[in-house]
Amino acid sequence: MGAKIGYVGVDHHHRDPYFAIASGLDLEITAVCEPGRRIDLGNLAAMDDRPDEITTEGQEVADLVSDATVYEDPHRLVADGDIDVVWITYRNDETPSIVGSAVDNGVHVISEKPIGRTAADLESVAERANEAGVTVSPTTFYRKNPITMELREKVRDGFFGDVSTVQGRFNASQLSYRNTDHYIYDEATSRGGALQWIGPHWVDMMPWVLDDPIARVNARFHDAAEVDVEAGAVLQFETEGGTLGTYHTGYYLNERGKDTHLGIYGTEAQARTPVHHDSLQHEPTVPLELTSEDPNWSATPTRTTEFEFSYDRFPAWGDFVQDYFEAYFEGYETGDVPATVDDAVQLLRVLDAAYESGDRGEWVEVEG
């Protein structure tokens, strides 16, 4: 696709799979930075600070950046690096300022979600990006998952009728599988744990599928013994349209992989699916079960479709993740991307309300 990329945050467990994506999309990583550290491009694979199981086996990361310029200062990288896009996988407390420098220099951004600790960290940067015509996107991959895309289309077509309730679950491996010394598990750096890190995927995806923003939340958290961020969370929420929902997320599993579920329950139809496919658990297909009594639906009220997932282009999670980045790099110059900086701000506003709810022990309205 011809874009020149500056990559900020190589001490991150998504680095190897993201470099593999860049290679698959024929992107050129011309500059790299781990803020405050003079990194050795020939020894990137020896950086052992990646905090969980998501890696790309056999990927020779050094080959992808062998000719890149190394920076210690990310603000200098976006100012002097002669790049089209800065790709960020860095700490929540400092990422908004890097995005701000990118906006000031006319450099587009693709950044690990949620692009900040709180909505207030990102709101002014988002306004500047929109005014300047600079594209800033979070990595909310599930907007390109074929099952969620199918469900969003059916919601818009009225297949479900009035959606009464939605149920979501996204649980991952316990903290014992992770490098809890990494900065993403530090409260001052990240603000939260499971909800702030793995939780945003479906906190973004569920209202996106419903095409109905979350208006208020009631959240409770499970503390972690190993770190000062939460191990898990349970959210009740209500959308602007009145749909009630629950979401359960956390570092709970005694195995590597994911435990997931999405249920949509409407007056005319229902859907049940794991949504997530997981190469760690050897699941090449994911079922979507749809039930409807509409006489135009079929002779039987329940129909199950198996969605086939492949892992050729992105072994860690599956090809839909690469589809997300492909869509970004095809559309960043015009702003036609799967998720925008305004979506990132709204996601953070929901997280803000959830953490406030946990502190106050009551329902909290989502700002904005």
Protein backbone atom coordinates (compact mmCIF):
# COMPACT_ATOMS: atom_id res chain seq x y z
CA MET A 1 0.00 0.00 0.00
CA GLY A 2 3.05 2.20 -0.03
CA ALA A 3 2.73 3.96 3.35
CA LYS A 4 5.81 4.79 5.39
CA ILE A 5 5.32 3.81 9.04
CA GLY A 6 6.85 4.95 12.28
CA TYR A 7 6.33 2.38 15.04
CA VAL A 8 6.24 3.53 18.68
CA GLY A 9 6.32 0.99 21.52
CA VAL A 10 8.31 -2.10 20.54
CA ASP A 11 8.32 -3.40 24.14
CA HIS A 12 4.82 -4.75 23.67
CA HIS A 13 3.40 -8.21 23.13
CA HIS A 14 1.53 -7.13 19.99
CA ARG A 15 4.74 -6.03 18.32
CA ASP A 16 5.56 -9.27 16.48
CA PRO A 17 2.08 -9.92 15.07
CA TYR A 18 1.72 -6.26 14.09
CA PHE A 19 5.08 -6.32 12.31
CA ALA A 20 3.85 -9.43 10.51
CA ILE A 21 0.75 -7.51 9.41
CA ALA A 22 2.88 -4.62 8.18
CA SER A 23 4.93 -7.06 6.14
CA GLY A 24 1.79 -8.69 4.70
CA LEU A 25 0.39 -5.30 3.67
CA ASP A 26 3.68 -4.27 2.06
CA LEU A 27 4.09 -1.37 4.47
CA GLU A 28 7.53 0.06 5.11
CA ILE A 29 8.52 0.57 8.75
CA THR A 30 11.08 3.33 8.38
CA ALA A 31 11.36 4.45 12.02
CA VAL A 32 10.97 2.75 15.39
CA CYS A 33 10.94 3.98 18.97
CA GLU A 34 10.77 2.63 22.48
CA PRO A 35 10.55 5.93 24.38
CA GLY A 36 13.53 6.55 26.61
CA ARG A 37 15.45 3.48 25.40
CA ARG A 38 18.08 3.09 22.71
CA ILE A 39 16.96 -0.20 21.16
CA ASP A 40 19.03 -2.68 19.18
CA LEU A 41 17.19 -3.52 15.96
CA GLY A 42 19.16 -6.72 15.58
CA ASN A 43 18.06 -7.95 18.97
CA LEU A 44 14.38 -7.04 19.16
CA ALA A 45 13.38 -10.66 19.58
CA ALA A 46 15.34 -10.73 22.85
CA MET A 47 13.01 -8.19 24.46
CA ASP A 48 11.10 -10.47 26.82
CA ASP A 49 8.67 -7.95 28.27
CA ARG A 50 5.67 -9.03 26.22
CA PRO A 51 2.95 -9.64 28.81
CA ASP A 52 0.83 -12.50 27.50
CA GLU A 53 0.44 -15.31 25.04
CA ILE A 54 -0.14 -13.37 21.82
CA THR A 55 2.99 -13.84 19.71
CA THR A 56 3.75 -14.87 16.16
CA GLU A 57 5.95 -17.95 16.12
CA GLY A 58 8.91 -17.85 13.80
CA GLN A 59 8.50 -14.21 12.83
CA GLU A 60 11.93 -12.65 12.27
CA VAL A 61 11.03 -9.18 13.49
CA ALA A 62 14.51 -7.75 12.99
CA ASP A 63 14.30 -8.35 9.23
CA LEU A 64 11.25 -6.11 8.96
CA VAL A 65 12.96 -3.07 10.48
CA SER A 66 16.60 -3.66 9.57
CA ASP A 67 16.87 -0.32 7.76
CA ALA A 68 14.68 1.71 10.13
CA THR A 69 15.89 4.81 11.96
CA VAL A 70 15.86 4.39 15.74
CA TYR A 71 14.43 7.17 17.92
CA GLU A 72 14.28 7.49 21.69
CA ASP A 73 11.79 10.36 21.57
CA PRO A 74 8.42 9.58 19.93
CA HIS A 75 7.63 13.28 19.47
CA ARG A 76 10.82 13.70 17.46
CA LEU A 77 9.92 10.60 15.43
CA VAL A 78 6.60 12.04 14.27
CA ALA A 79 8.18 15.46 13.63
CA ASP A 80 11.34 14.37 11.81
CA GLY A 81 10.72 10.81 10.68
CA ASP A 82 9.22 11.55 7.23
CA ILE A 83 6.35 9.12 7.82
CA ASP A 84 2.72 8.89 6.71
CA VAL A 85 1.38 6.97 9.72
CA VAL A 86 2.55 6.40 13.28
CA TRP A 87 1.57 2.98 14.64
CA ILE A 88 1.45 3.07 18.45
CA THR A 89 1.51 0.27 21.01
CA TYR A 90 2.48 2.23 24.08
CA ARG A 91 1.34 3.11 27.58
CA ASN A 92 -2.10 4.69 28.10
CA ASP A 93 -0.86 7.67 30.10
CA GLU A 94 1.55 8.90 27.42
CA THR A 95 -0.11 7.85 24.16
CA PRO A 96 -2.46 10.88 23.89
CA SER A 97 0.47 13.31 23.89
CA ILE A 98 2.19 11.31 21.13
CA VAL A 99 -1.06 11.36 19.14
CA GLY A 100 -1.20 15.11 19.70
CA SER A 101 2.29 15.55 18.26
CA ALA A 102 1.30 13.43 15.28
CA VAL A 103 -1.75 15.62 14.67
CA ASP A 104 0.38 18.76 14.89
CA ASN A 105 2.70 17.31 12.24
CA GLY A 106 -0.02 16.01 9.93
CA VAL A 107 0.82 12.36 10.62
CA HIS A 108 -2.06 9.88 10.73
CA VAL A 109 -2.37 7.43 13.63
CA ILE A 110 -3.31 3.81 14.28
CA SER A 111 -3.05 3.10 18.00
CA GLU A 112 -3.63 0.26 20.41
CA LYS A 113 -6.97 0.78 22.14
CA PRO A 114 -8.10 2.61 24.20
CA ILE A 115 -5.60 5.44 23.35
CA GLY A 116 -5.62 6.90 26.86
CA ARG A 117 -6.43 6.39 30.51
CA THR A 118 -9.60 8.50 30.42
CA ALA A 119 -11.76 10.32 27.89
CA ALA A 120 -10.46 13.66 29.16
CA ASP A 121 -6.97 12.60 28.07
CA LEU A 122 -8.10 12.24 24.46
CA GLU A 123 -10.98 14.69 23.91
CA SER A 124 -8.96 17.79 23.04
CA VAL A 125 -6.61 15.76 20.83
CA ALA A 126 -9.65 14.30 19.04
CA GLU A 127 -11.00 17.79 18.36
CA ARG A 128 -7.66 18.88 16.92
CA ALA A 129 -7.42 15.75 14.77
CA ASN A 130 -10.89 16.30 13.34
CA GLU A 131 -10.18 19.96 12.62
CA ALA A 132 -6.86 19.09 10.94
CA GLY A 133 -8.25 16.19 8.91
CA VAL A 134 -5.82 13.74 10.54
CA THR A 135 -7.12 10.18 10.90
CA VAL A 136 -6.72 8.61 14.36
CA SER A 137 -8.03 5.07 14.86
CA PRO A 138 -8.12 2.61 17.78
CA THR A 139 -7.50 -1.12 17.25
CA THR A 140 -11.11 -2.24 17.77
CA PHE A 141 -10.80 -5.30 15.53
CA TYR A 142 -14.22 -6.81 16.05
CA ARG A 143 -15.75 -4.26 13.71
CA LYS A 144 -14.26 -6.38 10.90
CA ASN A 145 -15.22 -9.76 12.38
CA PRO A 146 -17.57 -11.44 9.86
CA ILE A 147 -20.02 -12.55 12.56
CA THR A 148 -20.37 -9.11 14.13
CA MET A 149 -20.71 -7.55 10.68
CA GLU A 150 -23.50 -10.01 9.88
CA LEU A 151 -25.28 -9.27 13.17
CA ARG A 152 -24.98 -5.49 12.73
CA GLU A 153 -26.56 -5.79 9.29
CA LYS A 154 -29.43 -7.90 10.66
CA VAL A 155 -30.05 -5.39 13.46
CA ARG A 156 -30.20 -2.57 10.90
CA ASP A 157 -32.55 -4.61 8.71
CA GLY A 158 -34.94 -5.10 11.66
CA PHE A 159 -34.45 -8.88 11.77
CA PHE A 160 -34.49 -8.94 15.59
CA GLY A 161 -37.39 -6.54 16.02
CA ASP A 162 -36.95 -4.56 19.23
CA VAL A 163 -33.78 -5.78 20.97
CA SER A 164 -34.63 -6.31 24.64
CA THR A 165 -31.29 -7.47 25.99
CA VAL A 166 -27.75 -8.44 25.03
CA GLN A 167 -25.25 -10.64 26.88
CA GLY A 168 -21.49 -10.54 26.40
CA ARG A 169 -18.59 -12.52 27.83
CA PHE A 170 -14.88 -12.22 27.04
CA ASN A 171 -12.63 -14.02 29.53
CA ALA A 172 -8.93 -14.70 29.03
CA SER A 173 -6.07 -16.51 30.73
CA GLN A 174 -5.12 -15.77 34.32
CA LEU A 175 -2.45 -13.29 35.31
CA SER A 176 -0.09 -16.19 36.06
CA TYR A 177 0.32 -16.53 32.28
CA ARG A 178 1.34 -12.88 31.94
CA ASN A 179 4.32 -10.70 32.73
CA THR A 180 2.65 -8.61 35.41
CA ASP A 181 5.77 -6.41 35.71
CA HIS A 182 4.81 -4.85 32.39
CA TYR A 183 3.41 -1.32 32.46
CA ILE A 184 -0.04 -2.32 31.21
CA TYR A 185 -0.69 -3.86 34.65
CA ASP A 186 0.18 -0.67 36.52
CA GLU A 187 -2.73 1.50 37.72
CA ALA A 188 -0.91 4.82 37.41
CA THR A 189 -0.01 4.00 33.81
CA SER A 190 -3.09 2.22 32.55
CA ARG A 191 -5.94 3.17 34.96
CA GLY A 192 -7.43 -0.33 34.90
CA GLY A 193 -6.78 -3.98 34.23
CA ALA A 194 -9.05 -6.49 32.50
CA LEU A 195 -11.77 -3.98 31.64
CA GLN A 196 -9.25 -1.40 30.39
CA TRP A 197 -7.17 -3.89 28.42
CA ILE A 198 -9.17 -6.86 27.05
CA GLY A 199 -12.57 -5.40 27.93
CA PRO A 200 -12.63 -2.58 25.36
CA HIS A 201 -12.93 -5.00 22.45
CA TRP A 202 -16.52 -5.89 23.31
CA VAL A 203 -17.42 -2.67 25.12
CA ASP A 204 -16.93 -1.16 21.66
CA MET A 205 -18.33 -4.07 19.66
CA MET A 206 -21.68 -4.63 21.41
CA PRO A 207 -23.12 -1.10 20.97
CA TRP A 208 -21.62 -1.04 17.45
CA VAL A 209 -23.54 -4.20 16.53
CA LEU A 210 -26.71 -2.72 18.04
CA ASP A 211 -26.05 0.67 16.42
CA ASP A 212 -27.09 2.04 19.81
CA PRO A 213 -24.64 3.76 22.20
CA ILE A 214 -24.32 2.78 25.87
CA ALA A 215 -26.00 5.46 28.00
CA ARG A 216 -25.36 4.30 31.58
CA VAL A 217 -23.55 1.54 33.43
CA ASN A 218 -23.40 -0.23 36.76
CA ALA A 219 -20.06 -1.99 37.31
CA ARG A 220 -18.37 -4.16 39.90
CA PHE A 221 -14.73 -5.27 39.91
CA HIS A 222 -12.63 -8.16 41.21
CA ASP A 223 -9.28 -7.09 42.66
CA ALA A 224 -6.11 -8.91 41.61
CA ALA A 225 -3.62 -10.16 44.20
CA GLU A 226 -0.62 -9.75 41.89
CA VAL A 227 -1.16 -6.19 40.62
CA ASP A 228 -2.95 -2.96 41.52
CA VAL A 229 -5.47 -3.19 38.67
CA GLU A 230 -8.57 -5.37 38.55
CA ALA A 231 -8.54 -9.03 37.53
CA GLY A 232 -12.08 -8.85 36.21
CA ALA A 233 -15.31 -6.91 35.98
CA VAL A 234 -19.03 -7.35 35.47
CA LEU A 235 -21.03 -4.55 33.83
CA GLN A 236 -24.72 -3.95 33.61
CA PHE A 237 -25.56 -1.35 31.01
CA GLU A 238 -28.45 0.35 29.24
CA THR A 239 -28.27 1.77 25.74
CA GLU A 240 -29.83 5.01 24.56
CA GLY A 241 -32.54 2.96 22.88
CA GLY A 242 -33.40 1.11 26.10
CA THR A 243 -31.68 -2.25 25.50
CA LEU A 244 -30.39 -3.79 28.73
CA GLY A 245 -27.07 -5.62 28.67
CA THR A 246 -24.51 -7.46 30.75
CA TYR A 247 -20.81 -7.92 30.10
CA HIS A 248 -18.41 -10.21 31.96
CA THR A 249 -14.66 -9.92 31.35
CA GLY A 250 -11.54 -10.94 33.23
CA TYR A 251 -8.31 -12.86 33.60
CA TYR A 252 -9.97 -16.04 34.85
CA LEU A 253 -8.97 -19.07 32.77
CA ASN A 254 -6.64 -21.84 33.91
CA GLU A 255 -5.63 -22.27 30.28
CA ARG A 256 -4.42 -20.15 27.41
CA GLY A 257 -7.07 -18.89 25.05
CA LYS A 258 -10.48 -17.26 25.36
CA ASP A 259 -13.95 -18.02 26.73
CA THR A 260 -16.49 -15.92 24.87
CA HIS A 261 -20.20 -15.54 24.17
CA LEU A 262 -22.57 -13.03 22.63
CA GLY A 263 -26.34 -13.29 22.87
CA ILE A 264 -28.86 -10.91 21.30
CA TYR A 265 -32.51 -11.29 22.30
CA GLY A 266 -35.17 -9.40 20.36
CA THR A 267 -38.93 -9.55 20.03
CA GLU A 268 -38.71 -11.20 16.59
CA ALA A 269 -35.43 -13.16 16.70
CA GLN A 270 -32.46 -14.18 18.79
CA ALA A 271 -28.76 -14.84 18.16
CA ARG A 272 -26.16 -16.86 20.06
CA THR A 273 -22.50 -17.14 19.12
CA PRO A 274 -18.99 -17.26 20.62
CA VAL A 275 -17.97 -14.60 18.04
CA HIS A 276 -14.32 -15.20 18.86
CA HIS A 277 -12.22 -17.79 17.09
CA ASP A 278 -9.03 -18.87 18.78
CA SER A 279 -6.06 -20.57 17.14
CA LEU A 280 -4.76 -21.46 20.62
CA GLN A 281 -7.84 -23.60 21.08
CA HIS A 282 -7.80 -24.92 17.50
CA GLU A 283 -11.20 -23.57 16.47
CA PRO A 284 -11.21 -22.98 12.70
CA THR A 285 -14.98 -22.42 12.64
CA VAL A 286 -17.34 -20.41 14.82
CA PRO A 287 -21.11 -21.01 14.91
CA LEU A 288 -23.79 -18.34 14.72
CA GLU A 289 -27.20 -19.65 15.80
CA LEU A 290 -30.17 -17.54 14.73
CA THR A 291 -33.73 -18.24 15.84
CA SER A 292 -36.83 -16.60 14.35
CA GLU A 293 -40.50 -17.48 13.99
CA ASP A 294 -40.92 -15.20 11.01
CA PRO A 295 -42.60 -17.33 8.30
CA ASN A 296 -40.26 -15.79 5.74
CA TRP A 297 -37.23 -17.03 7.68
CA SER A 298 -37.37 -20.78 7.02
CA ALA A 299 -39.37 -23.93 7.64
CA THR A 300 -37.47 -24.40 10.90
CA PRO A 301 -37.19 -21.56 13.42
CA THR A 302 -33.50 -22.16 14.22
CA ARG A 303 -30.68 -21.94 11.73
CA THR A 304 -26.98 -22.32 12.52
CA THR A 305 -24.27 -21.02 10.23
CA GLU A 306 -20.64 -22.04 10.62
CA PHE A 307 -18.25 -19.18 9.82
CA GLU A 308 -14.91 -20.50 8.62
CA PHE A 309 -11.92 -18.55 9.94
CA SER A 310 -8.42 -18.76 8.54
CA TYR A 311 -5.11 -17.90 10.13
CA ASP A 312 -2.82 -17.70 7.12
CA ARG A 313 -2.26 -13.93 7.23
CA PHE A 314 -2.45 -13.44 10.99
CA PRO A 315 -1.84 -16.63 12.99
CA ALA A 316 -2.31 -15.02 16.41
CA TRP A 317 -6.02 -14.16 16.05
CA GLY A 318 -7.11 -14.76 12.51
CA ASP A 319 -7.38 -12.95 9.24
CA PHE A 320 -10.15 -10.54 10.24
CA VAL A 321 -7.58 -8.61 12.29
CA GLN A 322 -5.48 -8.12 9.19
CA ASP A 323 -8.68 -7.11 7.37
CA TYR A 324 -9.10 -4.35 9.95
CA PHE A 325 -5.63 -2.95 9.32
CA GLU A 326 -6.04 -3.34 5.57
CA ALA A 327 -9.22 -1.26 5.75
CA TYR A 328 -7.41 1.37 7.82
CA PHE A 329 -4.49 1.70 5.42
CA GLU A 330 -6.82 1.83 2.43
CA GLY A 331 -8.86 4.63 3.98
CA TYR A 332 -6.70 6.66 6.36
CA GLU A 333 -6.01 9.44 3.86
CA THR A 334 -9.75 10.14 3.48
CA GLY A 335 -10.87 9.16 6.98
CA ASP A 336 -12.86 6.17 5.67
CA VAL A 337 -11.76 3.75 8.40
CA PRO A 338 -13.56 1.13 10.54
CA ALA A 339 -13.25 3.15 13.77
CA THR A 340 -12.48 6.83 14.36
CA VAL A 341 -10.99 8.90 17.14
CA ASP A 342 -14.54 9.85 18.15
CA ASP A 343 -15.27 6.14 18.62
CA ALA A 344 -12.20 5.92 20.84
CA VAL A 345 -13.39 8.87 22.93
CA GLN A 346 -16.83 7.30 23.33
CA LEU A 347 -15.26 4.00 24.38
CA LEU A 348 -13.25 5.80 27.05
CA ARG A 349 -16.36 7.61 28.27
CA VAL A 350 -18.03 4.23 28.87
CA LEU A 351 -14.94 3.00 30.72
CA ASP A 352 -14.87 6.23 32.76
CA ALA A 353 -18.47 5.63 33.82
CA ALA A 354 -17.73 1.99 34.67
CA TYR A 355 -14.78 2.80 36.94
CA GLU A 356 -16.73 5.62 38.57
CA SER A 357 -19.61 3.22 39.12
CA GLY A 358 -17.28 0.74 40.78
CA ASP A 359 -16.05 3.44 43.15
CA ARG A 360 -19.53 4.77 43.95
CA GLY A 361 -21.44 1.49 43.96
CA GLU A 362 -24.25 2.83 41.80
CA TRP A 363 -25.40 3.46 38.22
CA VAL A 364 -23.47 6.20 36.40
CA GLU A 365 -24.46 8.06 33.25
CA VAL A 366 -22.05 8.01 30.31
CA GLU A 367 -20.98 11.55 29.43
CA GLY A 368 -21.46 12.87 25.94
